[in-house]
N, C-alpha and C. Protein backbone atom coordinates (compact mmCIF):
# COMPACT_ATOMS: atom_id res chain seq x y z
N MET A 1 17.89 -12.04 23.09
CA MET A 1 16.75 -12.00 22.20
C MET A 1 17.00 -12.97 21.04
N ALA A 2 16.01 -13.76 20.68
CA ALA A 2 16.15 -14.72 19.59
C ALA A 2 16.27 -13.99 18.27
N LYS A 3 16.88 -14.63 17.30
CA LYS A 3 17.09 -14.01 16.00
C LYS A 3 15.77 -13.56 15.38
N ASN A 4 14.75 -14.41 15.44
CA ASN A 4 13.46 -14.05 14.86
C ASN A 4 12.85 -12.83 15.54
N ASP A 5 12.98 -12.75 16.86
CA ASP A 5 12.47 -11.60 17.59
C ASP A 5 13.19 -10.33 17.17
N ASP A 6 14.51 -10.44 16.99
CA ASP A 6 15.32 -9.29 16.60
C ASP A 6 14.92 -8.79 15.22
N GLU A 7 14.61 -9.70 14.30
CA GLU A 7 14.25 -9.30 12.94
C GLU A 7 12.90 -8.60 12.89
N ARG A 8 12.04 -8.82 13.86
CA ARG A 8 10.71 -8.21 13.87
C ARG A 8 10.74 -6.78 14.38
N GLN A 9 11.77 -6.42 15.12
CA GLN A 9 11.87 -5.08 15.68
C GLN A 9 12.31 -4.10 14.59
N PRO A 10 11.75 -2.88 14.57
CA PRO A 10 12.21 -1.89 13.61
C PRO A 10 13.69 -1.60 13.85
N ARG A 11 14.45 -1.54 12.80
CA ARG A 11 15.87 -1.25 12.92
C ARG A 11 16.09 0.24 12.65
N THR A 12 16.93 0.86 13.43
CA THR A 12 17.22 2.28 13.23
C THR A 12 18.71 2.47 13.04
N ASP A 13 19.07 3.56 12.34
CA ASP A 13 20.48 3.88 12.20
C ASP A 13 20.88 4.83 13.32
N MET A 14 22.08 5.38 13.26
CA MET A 14 22.59 6.22 14.35
C MET A 14 21.78 7.51 14.52
N THR A 15 21.08 7.95 13.47
CA THR A 15 20.28 9.18 13.57
C THR A 15 18.87 8.90 14.08
N GLY A 16 18.53 7.63 14.25
CA GLY A 16 17.20 7.27 14.71
C GLY A 16 16.23 7.00 13.57
N SER A 17 16.70 7.13 12.32
CA SER A 17 15.84 6.85 11.17
C SER A 17 15.62 5.35 11.06
N VAL A 18 14.40 4.96 10.72
CA VAL A 18 14.07 3.55 10.58
C VAL A 18 14.64 3.04 9.27
N LYS A 19 15.33 1.91 9.34
CA LYS A 19 15.89 1.28 8.15
C LYS A 19 14.82 0.41 7.51
N PRO A 20 14.91 0.19 6.19
CA PRO A 20 13.95 -0.70 5.54
C PRO A 20 14.05 -2.12 6.11
N ALA A 21 12.94 -2.82 6.09
CA ALA A 21 12.92 -4.21 6.57
C ALA A 21 13.77 -5.08 5.66
N ARG A 22 14.25 -6.17 6.20
CA ARG A 22 15.03 -7.11 5.40
C ARG A 22 14.16 -7.74 4.34
N LYS A 23 14.73 -7.93 3.16
CA LYS A 23 13.98 -8.56 2.08
C LYS A 23 14.19 -10.07 2.16
N THR A 24 13.14 -10.79 1.84
CA THR A 24 13.27 -12.24 1.78
C THR A 24 13.61 -12.63 0.36
N SER A 25 14.46 -13.59 0.20
CA SER A 25 14.84 -14.03 -1.13
C SER A 25 14.16 -15.34 -1.50
N ASP A 26 13.28 -15.83 -0.64
CA ASP A 26 12.59 -17.08 -0.90
C ASP A 26 11.50 -16.84 -1.94
N PRO A 27 11.65 -17.39 -3.16
CA PRO A 27 10.67 -17.14 -4.21
C PRO A 27 9.27 -17.65 -3.86
N THR A 28 9.19 -18.70 -3.08
CA THR A 28 7.89 -19.23 -2.69
C THR A 28 7.15 -18.22 -1.81
N VAL A 29 7.87 -17.62 -0.87
CA VAL A 29 7.27 -16.62 0.01
C VAL A 29 6.87 -15.40 -0.80
N GLN A 30 7.74 -14.95 -1.68
CA GLN A 30 7.43 -13.78 -2.51
C GLN A 30 6.21 -14.03 -3.38
N ALA A 31 6.11 -15.22 -3.97
CA ALA A 31 4.96 -15.55 -4.82
C ALA A 31 3.67 -15.57 -4.00
N ALA A 32 3.72 -16.13 -2.80
CA ALA A 32 2.53 -16.18 -1.95
C ALA A 32 2.09 -14.77 -1.56
N ILE A 33 3.04 -13.93 -1.20
CA ILE A 33 2.72 -12.54 -0.85
C ILE A 33 2.11 -11.84 -2.05
N GLY A 34 2.70 -12.04 -3.22
CA GLY A 34 2.18 -11.41 -4.44
C GLY A 34 0.75 -11.83 -4.74
N ARG A 35 0.47 -13.13 -4.60
CA ARG A 35 -0.90 -13.62 -4.86
C ARG A 35 -1.89 -12.99 -3.89
N LYS A 36 -1.53 -12.94 -2.62
CA LYS A 36 -2.43 -12.37 -1.61
C LYS A 36 -2.67 -10.88 -1.87
N LEU A 37 -1.60 -10.15 -2.20
CA LEU A 37 -1.76 -8.71 -2.47
C LEU A 37 -2.62 -8.47 -3.70
N ARG A 38 -2.38 -9.25 -4.78
CA ARG A 38 -3.20 -9.08 -5.99
C ARG A 38 -4.67 -9.35 -5.70
N ALA A 39 -4.94 -10.40 -4.94
CA ALA A 39 -6.33 -10.73 -4.60
C ALA A 39 -6.97 -9.60 -3.81
N LEU A 40 -6.25 -9.06 -2.85
CA LEU A 40 -6.78 -7.97 -2.03
C LEU A 40 -7.04 -6.73 -2.87
N TYR A 41 -6.06 -6.33 -3.68
CA TYR A 41 -6.23 -5.12 -4.47
C TYR A 41 -7.25 -5.29 -5.58
N ASP A 42 -7.34 -6.47 -6.18
CA ASP A 42 -8.36 -6.71 -7.20
C ASP A 42 -9.76 -6.57 -6.61
N GLU A 43 -9.92 -7.09 -5.40
CA GLU A 43 -11.22 -6.99 -4.73
C GLU A 43 -11.59 -5.53 -4.49
N VAL A 44 -10.65 -4.74 -4.02
CA VAL A 44 -10.91 -3.32 -3.74
C VAL A 44 -11.14 -2.55 -5.04
N ALA A 45 -10.34 -2.83 -6.06
CA ALA A 45 -10.46 -2.11 -7.33
C ALA A 45 -11.78 -2.39 -8.02
N ASN A 46 -12.37 -3.53 -7.77
CA ASN A 46 -13.64 -3.88 -8.42
C ASN A 46 -14.86 -3.40 -7.65
N GLU A 47 -14.65 -2.79 -6.49
CA GLU A 47 -15.79 -2.25 -5.75
C GLU A 47 -16.32 -1.02 -6.47
N PRO A 48 -17.63 -0.80 -6.42
CA PRO A 48 -18.19 0.39 -7.08
C PRO A 48 -17.75 1.66 -6.37
N VAL A 49 -17.66 2.73 -7.14
CA VAL A 49 -17.30 4.03 -6.58
C VAL A 49 -18.53 4.59 -5.88
N PRO A 50 -18.41 5.00 -4.62
CA PRO A 50 -19.57 5.57 -3.92
C PRO A 50 -20.09 6.82 -4.64
N ASP A 51 -21.40 7.00 -4.60
CA ASP A 51 -22.03 8.14 -5.26
C ASP A 51 -21.42 9.46 -4.81
N ARG A 52 -21.10 9.57 -3.54
CA ARG A 52 -20.53 10.82 -3.01
C ARG A 52 -19.21 11.15 -3.69
N PHE A 53 -18.37 10.14 -3.93
CA PHE A 53 -17.10 10.38 -4.62
C PHE A 53 -17.33 10.80 -6.06
N SER A 54 -18.29 10.14 -6.71
CA SER A 54 -18.61 10.50 -8.10
C SER A 54 -19.08 11.95 -8.19
N GLU A 55 -19.91 12.36 -7.24
CA GLU A 55 -20.40 13.74 -7.21
C GLU A 55 -19.24 14.73 -7.01
N LEU A 56 -18.34 14.40 -6.10
CA LEU A 56 -17.19 15.29 -5.85
C LEU A 56 -16.30 15.39 -7.09
N LEU A 57 -16.06 14.27 -7.76
CA LEU A 57 -15.23 14.29 -8.96
C LEU A 57 -15.89 15.12 -10.06
N LYS A 58 -17.22 15.01 -10.19
CA LYS A 58 -17.92 15.81 -11.20
C LYS A 58 -17.81 17.30 -10.88
N LYS A 59 -17.97 17.66 -9.60
CA LYS A 59 -17.84 19.07 -9.21
C LYS A 59 -16.45 19.60 -9.51
N LEU A 60 -15.42 18.80 -9.23
CA LEU A 60 -14.05 19.23 -9.51
C LEU A 60 -13.84 19.42 -11.00
N ALA A 61 -14.35 18.49 -11.80
CA ALA A 61 -14.21 18.60 -13.26
C ALA A 61 -14.93 19.83 -13.77
N ASP A 62 -16.15 20.09 -13.26
CA ASP A 62 -16.90 21.28 -13.67
C ASP A 62 -16.15 22.56 -13.30
N GLN A 63 -15.56 22.57 -12.10
CA GLN A 63 -14.81 23.75 -11.66
C GLN A 63 -13.57 23.98 -12.53
N GLU A 64 -12.89 22.91 -12.90
CA GLU A 64 -11.71 23.04 -13.78
C GLU A 64 -12.11 23.59 -15.14
N ASN A 65 -13.25 23.13 -15.65
CA ASN A 65 -13.72 23.61 -16.96
C ASN A 65 -14.10 25.09 -16.88
N GLN A 66 -14.62 25.56 -15.77
CA GLN A 66 -14.98 26.97 -15.62
C GLN A 66 -13.74 27.85 -15.52
N ASP A 67 -12.67 27.30 -14.93
CA ASP A 67 -11.44 28.06 -14.74
C ASP A 67 -10.67 28.25 -16.05
N ARG A 68 -10.99 27.48 -17.05
CA ARG A 68 -10.23 27.56 -18.33
C ARG A 68 -10.69 28.67 -19.17
């Protein structure tokens, strides 16, 4: 198996637990990943909250206030 193929496979220890993936130390790769993740999460965070979620949150808040 080629080295790259081996690195893509999940690594396990003797108990069968999956080990964390290897970290890359290349700052260029890390910066690119960071930019992509920020763009993705910023896009999601700026989406409006669906009315159904807002209604559920209001009901929960009202219920908490009644319980006090």
